[in-house]
Amino acid sequence: MAGMTIVFEPLILAAQHFARRRGKPFVIYPLTHLGVGPTPGHDAVSRFYTMRHQVDLVLNSAFLIAINEDEADFYRARGLASDRTLVAGPGIELAELAGGDGARLRQRFGLEGPVVGVLSAMAYDKGTVHVVEAVRALWRQGRAINLVLAGAVLTQFQQYLDALPADERSRIVLLGPVDHQTKLDLLDAIDMLALPSRTDSFGIVFLEAWAYGKPVIAAEAWGVRTVVDANRDGLLVPFGDVEALAGAIWKLAADAALRRRLGESGRAKVQRQHTWQHKYPSIQQVYARLSQEASGAA
């Protein structure tokens, strides 16, 4: 049996108790957000995901399948045995991402020059406000940058947009939730993906951008820093640092060779280790091992 997402702790606890009564091993995928504090789990947001009773749920499970190295280390430091831990993380199916037509999307919205893309729920904790502020700062410097936002628009973010000067608001392409083909077209159209979030434990969209050979910009957050290799397939900036984020955006916008180098490195990493064909066998082995152990104990 298995449970996922540590903030659903009542459901996970009930499932653990059920597994124990049935004599079955319980596997946990906590997807822990470790935040941007000086140590994992010590900023205001991440404390919501790392409370003592939540940690105990992981320690009382038969096996942890961690989404990143920092998550695995966080629980090992609290007593989880290393041989009861696998760092797997999500994968993607490259065939499902094929077929993006960036030229079509650029023509549709009249986009010329560098394009920054955001594929995420529009929220402060996701860093979306900071991306907009960074692009606004570049506009004030006379930099020609396009910004396209795709994803659910939360109320507070819409209020933020509504308060922007009308001329700046009109320059932002706000797609809102998009269908699969539009998402693929956007991945093909952008020059870089920006997700400087403090509430992501991995960021599958990084893999999707890399599949299209695009560099990414992420926050220096625990967990994400083990997914994005700084200066190899993307850039890392402190969460909330608009000046640093603007600098990272312009660094990529102004240097096509750098974009290609980082994007191709990301593409190679995805093909090498982040497809489900690579992920599934190791997870399958965990379940086979636990099944054998449970059979032996019975």
C-alpha atoms as a PDB file:
ATOM      1  CA  MET A   1       0.000   0.000   0.000  1.00  0.00           C
ATOM      2  CA  ALA A   2       1.095   3.570  -0.520  1.00  0.00           C
ATOM      3  CA  GLY A   3       0.236   7.164   0.341  1.00  0.00           C
ATOM      4  CA  MET A   4       1.211  10.430  -1.268  1.00  0.00           C
ATOM      5  CA  THR A   5       1.502  14.103  -0.235  1.00  0.00           C
ATOM      6  CA  ILE A   6       2.364  14.734   3.399  1.00  0.00           C
ATOM      7  CA  VAL A   7      -0.259  17.456   3.959  1.00  0.00           C
ATOM      8  CA  PHE A   8      -2.975  14.801   3.611  1.00  0.00           C
ATOM      9  CA  GLU A   9      -1.819  13.302   6.880  1.00  0.00           C
ATOM     10  CA  PRO A  10      -5.242  12.099   8.155  1.00  0.00           C
ATOM     11  CA  LEU A  11      -5.648   9.984   5.019  1.00  0.00           C
ATOM     12  CA  ILE A  12      -2.058   8.733   5.194  1.00  0.00           C
ATOM     13  CA  LEU A  13      -2.438   7.801   8.871  1.00  0.00           C
ATOM     14  CA  ALA A  14      -5.651   5.904   8.161  1.00  0.00           C
ATOM     15  CA  ALA A  15      -3.974   4.058   5.295  1.00  0.00           C
ATOM     16  CA  GLN A  16      -0.984   3.198   7.493  1.00  0.00           C
ATOM     17  CA  HIS A  17      -3.261   1.744  10.149  1.00  0.00           C
ATOM     18  CA  PHE A  18      -5.147  -0.250   7.523  1.00  0.00           C
ATOM     19  CA  ALA A  19      -1.890  -1.605   6.065  1.00  0.00           C
ATOM     20  CA  ARG A  20      -0.676  -2.559   9.530  1.00  0.00           C
ATOM     21  CA  ARG A  21      -3.866  -4.433  10.317  1.00  0.00           C
ATOM     22  CA  ARG A  22      -3.526  -6.334   7.054  1.00  0.00           C
ATOM     23  CA  GLY A  23       0.164  -7.024   7.595  1.00  0.00           C
ATOM     24  CA  LYS A  24       1.116  -5.110   4.459  1.00  0.00           C
ATOM     25  CA  PRO A  25       4.107  -2.776   3.970  1.00  0.00           C
ATOM     26  CA  PHE A  26       3.290   0.899   3.512  1.00  0.00           C
ATOM     27  CA  VAL A  27       5.233   3.055   1.048  1.00  0.00           C
ATOM     28  CA  ILE A  28       5.145   6.847   1.368  1.00  0.00           C
ATOM     29  CA  TYR A  29       5.706   9.545  -1.238  1.00  0.00           C
ATOM     30  CA  PRO A  30       5.564  12.682   0.951  1.00  0.00           C
ATOM     31  CA  LEU A  31       6.439  15.290  -1.726  1.00  0.00           C
ATOM     32  CA  THR A  32       7.814  17.491   1.043  1.00  0.00           C
ATOM     33  CA  HIS A  33       8.251  21.207   0.372  1.00  0.00           C
ATOM     34  CA  LEU A  34      11.453  22.050   2.231  1.00  0.00           C
ATOM     35  CA  GLY A  35      11.396  25.752   1.493  1.00  0.00           C
ATOM     36  CA  VAL A  36      14.074  28.403   1.124  1.00  0.00           C
ATOM     37  CA  GLY A  37      15.263  28.768   4.713  1.00  0.00           C
ATOM     38  CA  PRO A  38      18.845  28.335   5.955  1.00  0.00           C
ATOM     39  CA  THR A  39      18.115  24.645   6.540  1.00  0.00           C
ATOM     40  CA  PRO A  40      15.351  22.437   5.126  1.00  0.00           C
ATOM     41  CA  GLY A  41      11.982  22.928   6.742  1.00  0.00           C
ATOM     42  CA  HIS A  42      12.835  26.067   8.698  1.00  0.00           C
ATOM     43  CA  ASP A  43      11.060  28.861   6.855  1.00  0.00           C
ATOM     44  CA  ALA A  44       7.459  29.818   7.522  1.00  0.00           C
ATOM     45  CA  VAL A  45       6.007  28.052   4.485  1.00  0.00           C
ATOM     46  CA  SER A  46       7.899  24.767   4.726  1.00  0.00           C
ATOM     47  CA  ARG A  47       7.093  24.315   8.420  1.00  0.00           C
ATOM     48  CA  PHE A  48       3.570  23.525   7.253  1.00  0.00           C
ATOM     49  CA  TYR A  49       4.999  20.409   5.539  1.00  0.00           C
ATOM     50  CA  THR A  50       7.521  19.303   8.168  1.00  0.00           C
ATOM     51  CA  MET A  51       5.621  19.155  11.445  1.00  0.00           C
ATOM     52  CA  ARG A  52       6.599  16.485  13.952  1.00  0.00           C
ATOM     53  CA  HIS A  53       3.546  14.301  13.344  1.00  0.00           C
ATOM     54  CA  GLN A  54       4.156  14.473   9.581  1.00  0.00           C
ATOM     55  CA  VAL A  55       7.776  13.434   9.999  1.00  0.00           C
ATOM     56  CA  ASP A  56       6.593  10.520  12.165  1.00  0.00           C
ATOM     57  CA  LEU A  57       4.325   9.344   9.365  1.00  0.00           C
ATOM     58  CA  VAL A  58       7.377   8.990   7.130  1.00  0.00           C
ATOM     59  CA  LEU A  59       9.526   7.343   9.807  1.00  0.00           C
ATOM     60  CA  ASN A  60       6.737   4.846  10.533  1.00  0.00           C
ATOM     61  CA  SER A  61       6.435   3.808   6.895  1.00  0.00           C
ATOM     62  CA  ALA A  62       8.107   0.716   5.481  1.00  0.00           C
ATOM     63  CA  PHE A  63       9.771   2.660   2.694  1.00  0.00           C
ATOM     64  CA  LEU A  64      10.266   6.243   1.495  1.00  0.00           C
ATOM     65  CA  ILE A  65      10.305   7.026  -2.203  1.00  0.00           C
ATOM     66  CA  ALA A  66      11.741  10.536  -2.150  1.00  0.00           C
ATOM     67  CA  ILE A  67      11.183  13.059  -4.880  1.00  0.00           C
ATOM     68  CA  ASN A  68      14.678  14.557  -4.567  1.00  0.00           C
ATOM     69  CA  GLU A  69      17.956  14.111  -2.701  1.00  0.00           C
ATOM     70  CA  ASP A  70      17.231  16.856  -0.170  1.00  0.00           C
ATOM     71  CA  GLU A  71      13.979  15.202   0.834  1.00  0.00           C
ATOM     72  CA  ALA A  72      15.743  11.884   1.341  1.00  0.00           C
ATOM     73  CA  ASP A  73      18.484  13.534   3.414  1.00  0.00           C
ATOM     74  CA  PHE A  74      15.889  15.391   5.512  1.00  0.00           C
ATOM     75  CA  TYR A  75      14.297  12.126   6.657  1.00  0.00           C
ATOM     76  CA  ARG A  76      17.576  10.240   6.977  1.00  0.00           C
ATOM     77  CA  ALA A  77      18.765  12.950   9.367  1.00  0.00           C
ATOM     78  CA  ARG A  78      15.683  12.217  11.481  1.00  0.00           C
ATOM     79  CA  GLY A  79      16.347   8.517  11.710  1.00  0.00           C
ATOM     80  CA  LEU A  80      15.106   6.881   8.544  1.00  0.00           C
ATOM     81  CA  ALA A  81      17.378   4.055   7.442  1.00  0.00           C
ATOM     82  CA  SER A  82      19.177   4.634   4.154  1.00  0.00           C
ATOM     83  CA  ASP A  83      18.235   1.153   2.943  1.00  0.00           C
ATOM     84  CA  ARG A  84      14.586   2.151   3.331  1.00  0.00           C
ATOM     85  CA  THR A  85      14.904   5.095   0.962  1.00  0.00           C
ATOM     86  CA  LEU A  86      14.889   5.496  -2.805  1.00  0.00           C
ATOM     87  CA  VAL A  87      15.283   8.811  -4.610  1.00  0.00           C
ATOM     88  CA  ALA A  88      13.183   8.482  -7.728  1.00  0.00           C
ATOM     89  CA  GLY A  89      11.211  11.608  -8.526  1.00  0.00           C
ATOM     90  CA  PRO A  90       8.725  11.942 -11.377  1.00  0.00           C
ATOM     91  CA  GLY A  91       9.377  11.159 -14.995  1.00  0.00           C
ATOM     92  CA  ILE A  92       7.906  12.164 -18.325  1.00  0.00           C
ATOM     93  CA  GLU A  93       6.915  10.409 -21.537  1.00  0.00           C
ATOM     94  CA  LEU A  94       8.772  12.159 -24.330  1.00  0.00           C
ATOM     95  CA  ALA A  95       6.312  10.951 -26.954  1.00  0.00           C
ATOM     96  CA  GLU A  96       3.483  12.742 -25.143  1.00  0.00           C
ATOM     97  CA  LEU A  97       5.399  16.019 -25.366  1.00  0.00           C
ATOM     98  CA  ALA A  98       6.093  15.882 -29.080  1.00  0.00           C
ATOM     99  CA  GLY A  99       4.368  18.160 -31.573  1.00  0.00           C
ATOM    100  CA  GLY A 100       4.732  21.675 -30.200  1.00  0.00           C
ATOM    101  CA  ASP A 101       4.568  24.473 -32.784  1.00  0.00           C
ATOM    102  CA  GLY A 102       6.170  27.557 -31.319  1.00  0.00           C
ATOM    103  CA  ALA A 103       5.904  29.558 -34.522  1.00  0.00           C
ATOM    104  CA  ARG A 104       2.131  29.159 -34.425  1.00  0.00           C
ATOM    105  CA  LEU A 105       1.897  30.547 -30.893  1.00  0.00           C
ATOM    106  CA  ARG A 106       4.321  33.385 -31.606  1.00  0.00           C
ATOM    107  CA  GLN A 107       2.323  34.378 -34.676  1.00  0.00           C
ATOM    108  CA  ARG A 108      -0.954  34.135 -32.776  1.00  0.00           C
ATOM    109  CA  PHE A 109       0.182  36.667 -30.172  1.00  0.00           C
ATOM    110  CA  GLY A 110       2.589  38.706 -32.273  1.00  0.00           C
ATOM    111  CA  LEU A 111       5.634  37.699 -30.245  1.00  0.00           C
ATOM    112  CA  GLU A 112       8.989  38.868 -31.583  1.00  0.00           C
ATOM    113  CA  GLY A 113      12.243  38.576 -29.699  1.00  0.00           C
ATOM    114  CA  PRO A 114      12.992  36.714 -26.448  1.00  0.00           C
ATOM    115  CA  VAL A 115      10.043  35.059 -24.709  1.00  0.00           C
ATOM    116  CA  VAL A 116       9.905  34.208 -21.013  1.00  0.00           C
ATOM    117  CA  GLY A 117       7.338  31.538 -20.242  1.00  0.00           C
ATOM    118  CA  VAL A 118       5.636  30.641 -16.982  1.00  0.00           C
ATOM    119  CA  LEU A 119       3.699  27.368 -16.728  1.00  0.00           C
ATOM    120  CA  SER A 120       2.280  27.257 -13.227  1.00  0.00           C
ATOM    121  CA  ALA A 121      -0.543  28.314 -11.000  1.00  0.00           C
ATOM    122  CA  MET A 122      -0.289  32.097 -10.742  1.00  0.00           C
ATOM    123  CA  ALA A 123       0.622  32.746  -7.102  1.00  0.00           C
ATOM    124  CA  TYR A 124       3.110  34.663  -4.985  1.00  0.00           C
ATOM    125  CA  ASP A 125       4.666  31.493  -3.527  1.00  0.00           C
ATOM    126  CA  LYS A 126       5.231  30.183  -7.054  1.00  0.00           C
ATOM    127  CA  GLY A 127       7.293  33.293  -7.799  1.00  0.00           C
ATOM    128  CA  THR A 128       4.945  34.482 -10.520  1.00  0.00           C
ATOM    129  CA  VAL A 129       4.679  37.984  -9.078  1.00  0.00           C
ATOM    130  CA  HIS A 130       8.463  38.176  -9.006  1.00  0.00           C
ATOM    131  CA  VAL A 131       8.696  37.114 -12.666  1.00  0.00           C
ATOM    132  CA  VAL A 132       6.303  39.877 -13.664  1.00  0.00           C
ATOM    133  CA  GLU A 133       8.185  42.419 -11.547  1.00  0.00           C
ATOM    134  CA  ALA A 134      11.505  41.318 -13.050  1.00  0.00           C
ATOM    135  CA  VAL A 135      10.175  41.698 -16.590  1.00  0.00           C
ATOM    136  CA  ARG A 136       8.701  45.096 -15.704  1.00  0.00           C
ATOM    137  CA  ALA A 137      12.143  46.162 -14.451  1.00  0.00           C
ATOM    138  CA  LEU A 138      13.658  45.072 -17.763  1.00  0.00           C
ATOM    139  CA  TRP A 139      10.996  46.996 -19.678  1.00  0.00           C
ATOM    140  CA  ARG A 140      11.899  50.118 -17.727  1.00  0.00           C
ATOM    141  CA  GLN A 141      15.499  49.587 -18.865  1.00  0.00           C
ATOM    142  CA  GLY A 142      14.325  49.457 -22.468  1.00  0.00           C
ATOM    143  CA  ARG A 143      14.824  45.692 -22.825  1.00  0.00           C
ATOM    144  CA  ALA A 144      12.622  43.941 -25.366  1.00  0.00           C
ATOM    145  CA  ILE A 145      11.235  40.939 -23.474  1.00  0.00           C
ATOM    146  CA  ASN A 146       7.953  39.083 -23.987  1.00  0.00           C
ATOM    147  CA  LEU A 147       6.167  37.434 -21.077  1.00  0.00           C
ATOM    148  CA  VAL A 148       3.615  34.641 -21.454  1.00  0.00           C
ATOM    149  CA  LEU A 149       1.786  33.261 -18.418  1.00  0.00           C
ATOM    150  CA  ALA A 150      -0.068  29.939 -18.587  1.00  0.00           C
ATOM    151  CA  GLY A 151      -1.885  28.311 -15.692  1.00  0.00           C
ATOM    152  CA  ALA A 152      -4.676  28.837 -13.221  1.00  0.00           C
ATOM    153  CA  VAL A 153      -4.978  32.481 -12.176  1.00  0.00           C
ATOM    154  CA  LEU A 154      -5.521  32.715  -8.420  1.00  0.00           C
ATOM    155  CA  THR A 155      -7.546  35.605  -7.030  1.00  0.00           C
ATOM    156  CA  GLN A 156      -4.672  37.441  -5.354  1.00  0.00           C
ATOM    157  CA  PHE A 157      -2.585  37.288  -8.514  1.00  0.00           C
ATOM    158  CA  GLN A 158      -5.474  38.622 -10.593  1.00  0.00           C
ATOM    159  CA  GLN A 159      -5.805  41.504  -8.139  1.00  0.00           C
ATOM    160  CA  TYR A 160      -2.090  42.170  -8.519  1.00  0.00           C
ATOM    161  CA  LEU A 161      -2.415  42.213 -12.319  1.00  0.00           C
ATOM    162  CA  ASP A 162      -5.444  44.475 -12.203  1.00  0.00           C
ATOM    163  CA  ALA A 163      -3.426  47.025 -10.223  1.00  0.00           C
ATOM    164  CA  LEU A 164      -0.656  47.248 -12.841  1.00  0.00           C
ATOM    165  CA  PRO A 165      -0.529  50.200 -15.240  1.00  0.00           C
ATOM    166  CA  ALA A 166      -2.735  49.459 -18.229  1.00  0.00           C
ATOM    167  CA  ASP A 167       0.096  49.771 -20.750  1.00  0.00           C
ATOM    168  CA  GLU A 168       2.197  47.205 -18.910  1.00  0.00           C
ATOM    169  CA  ARG A 169      -0.725  44.881 -18.298  1.00  0.00           C
ATOM    170  CA  SER A 170      -1.467  44.879 -22.025  1.00  0.00           C
ATOM    171  CA  ARG A 171       2.067  43.662 -22.778  1.00  0.00           C
ATOM    172  CA  ILE A 172       1.608  40.482 -20.718  1.00  0.00           C
ATOM    173  CA  VAL A 173       0.139  37.502 -22.563  1.00  0.00           C
ATOM    174  CA  LEU A 174      -2.084  35.846 -19.965  1.00  0.00           C
ATOM    175  CA  LEU A 175      -3.317  32.517 -21.298  1.00  0.00           C
ATOM    176  CA  GLY A 176      -4.813  31.135 -18.110  1.00  0.00           C
ATOM    177  CA  PRO A 177      -5.389  27.363 -18.067  1.00  0.00           C
ATOM    178  CA  VAL A 178      -4.376  25.878 -21.425  1.00  0.00           C
ATOM    179  CA  ASP A 179      -5.076  22.680 -23.329  1.00  0.00           C
ATOM    180  CA  HIS A 180      -2.328  20.186 -24.047  1.00  0.00           C
ATOM    181  CA  GLN A 181      -1.541  21.415 -27.563  1.00  0.00           C
ATOM    182  CA  THR A 182      -1.272  25.036 -26.458  1.00  0.00           C
ATOM    183  CA  LYS A 183       1.074  23.927 -23.697  1.00  0.00           C
ATOM    184  CA  LEU A 184       3.282  22.157 -26.235  1.00  0.00           C
ATOM    185  CA  ASP A 185       3.237  25.188 -28.523  1.00  0.00           C
ATOM    186  CA  LEU A 186       4.284  27.380 -25.596  1.00  0.00           C
ATOM    187  CA  LEU A 187       7.146  25.071 -24.639  1.00  0.00           C
ATOM    188  CA  ASP A 188       8.378  25.270 -28.216  1.00  0.00           C
ATOM    189  CA  ALA A 189       7.900  29.048 -28.434  1.00  0.00           C
ATOM    190  CA  ILE A 190       9.667  30.210 -25.277  1.00  0.00           C
ATOM    191  CA  ASP A 191      13.342  30.992 -24.949  1.00  0.00           C
ATOM    192  CA  MET A 192      13.359  30.187 -21.236  1.00  0.00           C
ATOM    193  CA  LEU A 193      11.033  28.885 -18.541  1.00  0.00           C
ATOM    194  CA  ALA A 194      10.813  30.733 -15.227  1.00  0.00           C
ATOM    195  CA  LEU A 195       9.487  29.050 -12.070  1.00  0.00           C
ATOM    196  CA  PRO A 196      11.278  30.698  -9.110  1.00  0.00           C
ATOM    197  CA  SER A 197       8.981  28.974  -6.593  1.00  0.00           C
ATOM    198  CA  ARG A 198       9.378  28.247  -2.886  1.00  0.00           C
ATOM    199  CA  THR A 199       6.549  25.699  -2.849  1.00  0.00           C
ATOM    200  CA  ASP A 200       7.719  23.094  -5.335  1.00  0.00           C
ATOM    201  CA  SER A 201       9.404  19.886  -4.310  1.00  0.00           C
ATOM    202  CA  PHE A 202      10.560  19.069  -7.851  1.00  0.00           C
ATOM    203  CA  GLY A 203       8.984  20.930 -10.766  1.00  0.00           C
ATOM    204  CA  ILE A 204       7.899  18.546 -13.526  1.00  0.00           C
ATOM    205  CA  VAL A 205       7.605  21.537 -15.832  1.00  0.00           C
ATOM    206  CA  PHE A 206      11.404  21.820 -15.731  1.00  0.00           C
ATOM    207  CA  LEU A 207      11.587  18.399 -17.369  1.00  0.00           C
ATOM    208  CA  GLU A 208       9.040  19.462 -19.971  1.00  0.00           C
ATOM    209  CA  ALA A 209      10.995  22.617 -20.817  1.00  0.00           C
ATOM    210  CA  TRP A 210      14.236  20.647 -21.041  1.00  0.00           C
ATOM    211  CA  ALA A 211      12.534  18.148 -23.371  1.00  0.00           C
ATOM    212  CA  TYR A 212      12.233  21.129 -25.748  1.00  0.00           C
ATOM    213  CA  GLY A 213      15.838  22.152 -25.155  1.00  0.00           C
ATOM    214  CA  LYS A 214      14.924  25.247 -23.135  1.00  0.00           C
ATOM    215  CA  PRO A 215      16.880  26.563 -20.132  1.00  0.00           C
ATOM    216  CA  VAL A 216      15.047  27.157 -16.860  1.00  0.00           C
ATOM    217  CA  ILE A 217      15.205  29.650 -14.020  1.00  0.00           C
ATOM    218  CA  ALA A 218      14.366  28.355 -10.549  1.00  0.00           C
ATOM    219  CA  ALA A 219      14.594  29.540  -6.972  1.00  0.00           C
ATOM    220  CA  GLU A 220      17.420  28.487  -4.673  1.00  0.00           C
ATOM    221  CA  ALA A 221      15.044  26.194  -2.802  1.00  0.00           C
ATOM    222  CA  TRP A 222      15.759  22.957  -0.985  1.00  0.00           C
ATOM    223  CA  GLY A 223      14.906  20.085  -3.273  1.00  0.00           C
ATOM    224  CA  VAL A 224      14.709  22.095  -6.473  1.00  0.00           C
ATOM    225  CA  ARG A 225      18.422  22.871  -6.177  1.00  0.00           C
ATOM    226  CA  THR A 226      19.062  19.123  -6.639  1.00  0.00           C
ATOM    227  CA  VAL A 227      16.873  19.044  -9.760  1.00  0.00           C
ATOM    228  CA  VAL A 228      18.229  22.103 -11.577  1.00  0.00           C
ATOM    229  CA  ASP A 229      22.009  22.048 -11.968  1.00  0.00           C
ATOM    230  CA  ALA A 230      23.002  25.691 -11.639  1.00  0.00           C
ATOM    231  CA  ASN A 231      24.808  27.002 -14.724  1.00  0.00           C
ATOM    232  CA  ARG A 232      24.552  23.604 -16.412  1.00  0.00           C
ATOM    233  CA  ASP A 233      20.884  23.381 -17.404  1.00  0.00           C
ATOM    234  CA  GLY A 234      19.439  26.442 -15.727  1.00  0.00           C
ATOM    235  CA  LEU A 235      19.972  29.354 -13.375  1.00  0.00           C
ATOM    236  CA  LEU A 236      19.107  29.626  -9.682  1.00  0.00           C
ATOM    237  CA  VAL A 237      18.143  32.866  -7.931  1.00  0.00           C
ATOM    238  CA  PRO A 238      17.116  33.624  -4.339  1.00  0.00           C
ATOM    239  CA  PHE A 239      13.361  33.440  -3.892  1.00  0.00           C
ATOM    240  CA  GLY A 240      11.823  36.892  -4.039  1.00  0.00           C
ATOM    241  CA  ASP A 241      14.965  38.630  -5.334  1.00  0.00           C
ATOM    242  CA  VAL A 242      13.531  40.560  -8.277  1.00  0.00           C
ATOM    243  CA  GLU A 243      16.846  42.157  -9.200  1.00  0.00           C
ATOM    244  CA  ALA A 244      18.616  38.790  -9.375  1.00  0.00           C
ATOM    245  CA  LEU A 245      15.717  37.321 -11.335  1.00  0.00           C
ATOM    246  CA  ALA A 246      15.773  40.186 -13.835  1.00  0.00           C
ATOM    247  CA  GLY A 247      19.506  39.663 -14.233  1.00  0.00           C
ATOM    248  CA  ALA A 248      19.027  35.950 -14.878  1.00  0.00           C
ATOM    249  CA  ILE A 249      16.297  36.581 -17.448  1.00  0.00           C
ATOM    250  CA  TRP A 250      18.371  39.118 -19.324  1.00  0.00           C
ATOM    251  CA  LYS A 251      21.487  36.952 -19.123  1.00  0.00           C
ATOM    252  CA  LEU A 252      19.644  34.239 -21.024  1.00  0.00           C
ATOM    253  CA  ALA A 253      17.787  36.619 -23.324  1.00  0.00           C
ATOM    254  CA  ALA A 254      21.007  38.294 -24.438  1.00  0.00           C
ATOM    255  CA  ASP A 255      23.037  35.127 -25.007  1.00  0.00           C
ATOM    256  CA  ALA A 256      21.615  32.632 -27.507  1.00  0.00           C
ATOM    257  CA  ALA A 257      24.664  30.376 -27.181  1.00  0.00           C
ATOM    258  CA  LEU A 258      24.162  30.138 -23.411  1.00  0.00           C
ATOM    259  CA  ARG A 259      20.490  29.329 -23.890  1.00  0.00           C
ATOM    260  CA  ARG A 260      21.366  26.543 -26.303  1.00  0.00           C
ATOM    261  CA  ARG A 261      24.070  25.130 -24.029  1.00  0.00           C
ATOM    262  CA  LEU A 262      21.865  25.049 -20.925  1.00  0.00           C
ATOM    263  CA  GLY A 263      18.828  23.837 -22.835  1.00  0.00           C
ATOM    264  CA  GLU A 264      20.659  21.019 -24.574  1.00  0.00           C
ATOM    265  CA  SER A 265      22.238  19.948 -21.287  1.00  0.00           C
ATOM    266  CA  GLY A 266      18.751  19.781 -19.809  1.00  0.00           C
ATOM    267  CA  ARG A 267      17.461  17.798 -22.768  1.00  0.00           C
ATOM    268  CA  ALA A 268      20.293  15.290 -22.410  1.00  0.00           C
ATOM    269  CA  LYS A 269      19.599  14.941 -18.671  1.00  0.00           C
ATOM    270  CA  VAL A 270      15.929  14.231 -19.290  1.00  0.00           C
ATOM    271  CA  GLN A 271      16.717  11.608 -21.902  1.00  0.00           C
ATOM    272  CA  ARG A 272      19.345  10.055 -19.643  1.00  0.00           C
ATOM    273  CA  GLN A 273      17.491   9.866 -16.324  1.00  0.00           C
ATOM    274  CA  HIS A 274      14.062  11.486 -16.224  1.00  0.00           C
ATOM    275  CA  THR A 275      11.816   9.391 -18.463  1.00  0.00           C
ATOM    276  CA  TRP A 276       9.454   6.856 -16.954  1.00  0.00           C
ATOM    277  CA  GLN A 277      11.396   4.153 -18.760  1.00  0.00           C
ATOM    278  CA  HIS A 278      14.316   5.033 -16.475  1.00  0.00           C
ATOM    279  CA  LYS A 279      12.273   5.625 -13.303  1.00  0.00           C
ATOM    280  CA  TYR A 280       9.898   2.696 -13.260  1.00  0.00           C
ATOM    281  CA  PRO A 281      12.326  -0.255 -12.907  1.00  0.00           C
ATOM    282  CA  SER A 282      13.824   1.014  -9.635  1.00  0.00           C
ATOM    283  CA  ILE A 283      10.374   1.652  -8.149  1.00  0.00           C
ATOM    284  CA  GLN A 284       9.223  -1.774  -9.294  1.00  0.00           C
ATOM    285  CA  GLN A 285      12.202  -3.318  -7.500  1.00  0.00           C
ATOM    286  CA  VAL A 286      11.176  -1.612  -4.239  1.00  0.00           C
ATOM    287  CA  TYR A 287       7.696  -3.100  -4.383  1.00  0.00           C
ATOM    288  CA  ALA A 288       9.055  -6.527  -5.316  1.00  0.00           C
ATOM    289  CA  ARG A 289      11.453  -6.403  -2.359  1.00  0.00           C
ATOM    290  CA  LEU A 290       8.746  -5.328   0.092  1.00  0.00           C
ATOM    291  CA  SER A 291       6.403  -7.993  -1.229  1.00  0.00           C
ATOM    292  CA  GLN A 292       9.051 -10.665  -0.680  1.00  0.00           C
ATOM    293  CA  GLU A 293       9.755  -9.381   2.835  1.00  0.00           C
ATOM    294  CA  ALA A 294       6.052  -9.407   3.694  1.00  0.00           C
ATOM    295  CA  SER A 295       5.670 -12.943   2.333  1.00  0.00           C
ATOM    296  CA  GLY A 296       8.640 -14.119   4.368  1.00  0.00           C
ATOM    297  CA  ALA A 297       7.305 -12.532   7.552  1.00  0.00           C
ATOM    298  CA  ALA A 298       3.939 -14.206   7.028  1.00  0.00           C
END
